[in-house]
């Protein structure tokens, strides 16, 4: 999975986009709205990336549980066969 670093930073009234700096003092309303939209999109991307990581963790855990169950069932079968062979 590729992760992308945030390419836009806003600090101390300076907007940094891909290494280019712009003053935020005279931004137009539509420019401010675009900055908000970019921030919203970045937050959503971060949340989705977190969900992908969680899915990976749960998939791995599910495989371990499945393996544990299979081992337990096979152990039960082995014990039952051993008991049946002693009784017979």
C-alpha atoms as a PDB file:
ATOM      1  CA  UNK A   1       0.000   0.000   0.000  1.00  0.00           C
ATOM      2  CA  UNK A   2       1.345   3.415  -0.928  1.00  0.00           C
ATOM      3  CA  UNK A   3       0.982   6.309   1.455  1.00  0.00           C
ATOM      4  CA  UNK A   4       1.149   9.897   0.319  1.00  0.00           C
ATOM      5  CA  UNK A   5       2.586  12.627   2.448  1.00  0.00           C
ATOM      6  CA  UNK A   6       0.489  15.710   2.779  1.00  0.00           C
ATOM      7  CA  UNK A   7       1.551  18.067   0.009  1.00  0.00           C
ATOM      8  CA  UNK A   8      -0.132  21.142   1.458  1.00  0.00           C
ATOM      9  CA  UNK A   9       0.736  22.764   4.765  1.00  0.00           C
ATOM     10  CA  UNK A  10      -0.718  25.850   6.374  1.00  0.00           C
ATOM     11  CA  UNK A  11       1.393  27.429   9.115  1.00  0.00           C
ATOM     12  CA  UNK A  12       1.791  30.983  10.388  1.00  0.00           C
ATOM     13  CA  UNK A  13      -0.290  32.515   7.587  1.00  0.00           C
ATOM     14  CA  UNK A  14       1.865  30.787   4.977  1.00  0.00           C
ATOM     15  CA  UNK A  15       0.449  28.193   2.616  1.00  0.00           C
ATOM     16  CA  UNK A  16       3.016  25.703   1.325  1.00  0.00           C
ATOM     17  CA  UNK A  17       1.983  23.741  -1.765  1.00  0.00           C
ATOM     18  CA  UNK A  18       4.571  21.319  -3.110  1.00  0.00           C
ATOM     19  CA  UNK A  19       7.370  23.484  -1.721  1.00  0.00           C
ATOM     20  CA  UNK A  20       5.995  26.797  -3.008  1.00  0.00           C
ATOM     21  CA  UNK A  21       4.972  29.304  -0.360  1.00  0.00           C
ATOM     22  CA  UNK A  22       2.011  31.685  -0.572  1.00  0.00           C
ATOM     23  CA  UNK A  23       0.767  34.261   1.896  1.00  0.00           C
ATOM     24  CA  UNK A  24      -2.724  33.560   3.211  1.00  0.00           C
ATOM     25  CA  UNK A  25      -3.455  37.142   4.142  1.00  0.00           C
ATOM     26  CA  UNK A  26      -5.268  38.046   0.915  1.00  0.00           C
ATOM     27  CA  UNK A  27      -6.840  34.746  -0.093  1.00  0.00           C
ATOM     28  CA  UNK A  28     -10.118  34.913  -1.993  1.00  0.00           C
ATOM     29  CA  UNK A  29     -13.134  33.087  -0.604  1.00  0.00           C
ATOM     30  CA  UNK A  30     -12.976  30.435  -3.323  1.00  0.00           C
ATOM     31  CA  UNK A  31      -9.298  29.823  -2.525  1.00  0.00           C
ATOM     32  CA  UNK A  32     -10.127  29.414   1.163  1.00  0.00           C
ATOM     33  CA  UNK A  33     -12.883  26.995   0.200  1.00  0.00           C
ATOM     34  CA  UNK A  34     -10.439  24.975  -1.906  1.00  0.00           C
ATOM     35  CA  UNK A  35      -8.028  24.795   1.022  1.00  0.00           C
ATOM     36  CA  UNK A  36     -10.871  23.493   3.196  1.00  0.00           C
ATOM     37  CA  UNK A  37     -11.798  20.917   0.547  1.00  0.00           C
ATOM     38  CA  UNK A  38      -8.201  19.734   0.291  1.00  0.00           C
ATOM     39  CA  UNK A  39      -8.023  19.391   4.068  1.00  0.00           C
ATOM     40  CA  UNK A  40     -11.298  17.457   4.100  1.00  0.00           C
ATOM     41  CA  UNK A  41     -10.061  15.126   1.355  1.00  0.00           C
ATOM     42  CA  UNK A  42      -6.769  14.535   3.170  1.00  0.00           C
ATOM     43  CA  UNK A  43      -8.623  13.679   6.377  1.00  0.00           C
ATOM     44  CA  UNK A  44     -10.834  11.207   4.511  1.00  0.00           C
ATOM     45  CA  UNK A  45      -7.801   9.646   2.824  1.00  0.00           C
ATOM     46  CA  UNK A  46      -6.143   9.246   6.226  1.00  0.00           C
ATOM     47  CA  UNK A  47      -9.280   7.588   7.645  1.00  0.00           C
ATOM     48  CA  UNK A  48      -9.546   5.216   4.685  1.00  0.00           C
ATOM     49  CA  UNK A  49      -5.880   4.303   4.982  1.00  0.00           C
ATOM     50  CA  UNK A  50      -6.485   3.484   8.642  1.00  0.00           C
ATOM     51  CA  UNK A  51      -9.428   1.282   7.677  1.00  0.00           C
ATOM     52  CA  UNK A  52      -7.279  -0.579   5.148  1.00  0.00           C
ATOM     53  CA  UNK A  53      -4.719  -1.246   7.878  1.00  0.00           C
ATOM     54  CA  UNK A  54      -7.483  -2.462  10.185  1.00  0.00           C
ATOM     55  CA  UNK A  55      -8.801  -4.793   7.495  1.00  0.00           C
ATOM     56  CA  UNK A  56      -5.313  -6.270   7.109  1.00  0.00           C
ATOM     57  CA  UNK A  57      -5.081  -6.833  10.865  1.00  0.00           C
ATOM     58  CA  UNK A  58      -8.529  -8.456  11.034  1.00  0.00           C
ATOM     59  CA  UNK A  59      -7.803 -10.667   8.030  1.00  0.00           C
ATOM     60  CA  UNK A  60      -4.641 -11.937   9.704  1.00  0.00           C
ATOM     61  CA  UNK A  61      -6.447 -12.478  12.999  1.00  0.00           C
ATOM     62  CA  UNK A  62      -9.227 -14.363  11.207  1.00  0.00           C
ATOM     63  CA  UNK A  63      -6.670 -16.697   9.644  1.00  0.00           C
ATOM     64  CA  UNK A  64      -5.137 -17.393  13.063  1.00  0.00           C
ATOM     65  CA  UNK A  65      -8.581 -18.140  14.542  1.00  0.00           C
ATOM     66  CA  UNK A  66      -9.356 -20.427  11.620  1.00  0.00           C
ATOM     67  CA  UNK A  67      -6.070 -22.252  12.086  1.00  0.00           C
ATOM     68  CA  UNK A  68      -6.689 -22.577  15.831  1.00  0.00           C
ATOM     69  CA  UNK A  69     -10.164 -23.972  15.197  1.00  0.00           C
ATOM     70  CA  UNK A  70      -8.883 -26.471  12.650  1.00  0.00           C
ATOM     71  CA  UNK A  71      -6.159 -27.604  15.050  1.00  0.00           C
ATOM     72  CA  UNK A  72      -8.683 -27.975  17.869  1.00  0.00           C
ATOM     73  CA  UNK A  73     -11.070 -29.991  15.692  1.00  0.00           C
ATOM     74  CA  UNK A  74      -8.269 -32.234  14.479  1.00  0.00           C
ATOM     75  CA  UNK A  75      -7.113 -32.782  18.076  1.00  0.00           C
ATOM     76  CA  UNK A  76     -10.667 -33.788  19.037  1.00  0.00           C
ATOM     77  CA  UNK A  77     -10.742 -36.283  16.157  1.00  0.00           C
ATOM     78  CA  UNK A  78      -7.386 -37.709  17.223  1.00  0.00           C
ATOM     79  CA  UNK A  79      -8.523 -38.085  20.833  1.00  0.00           C
ATOM     80  CA  UNK A  80     -11.759 -39.731  19.717  1.00  0.00           C
ATOM     81  CA  UNK A  81      -9.876 -42.209  17.492  1.00  0.00           C
ATOM     82  CA  UNK A  82      -7.524 -43.035  20.341  1.00  0.00           C
ATOM     83  CA  UNK A  83     -10.449 -43.607  22.714  1.00  0.00           C
ATOM     84  CA  UNK A  84     -12.273 -45.717  20.120  1.00  0.00           C
ATOM     85  CA  UNK A  85      -9.169 -47.850  19.538  1.00  0.00           C
ATOM     86  CA  UNK A  86      -8.793 -48.468  23.304  1.00  0.00           C
ATOM     87  CA  UNK A  87     -12.463 -49.444  23.641  1.00  0.00           C
ATOM     88  CA  UNK A  88     -12.401 -51.785  20.713  1.00  0.00           C
END
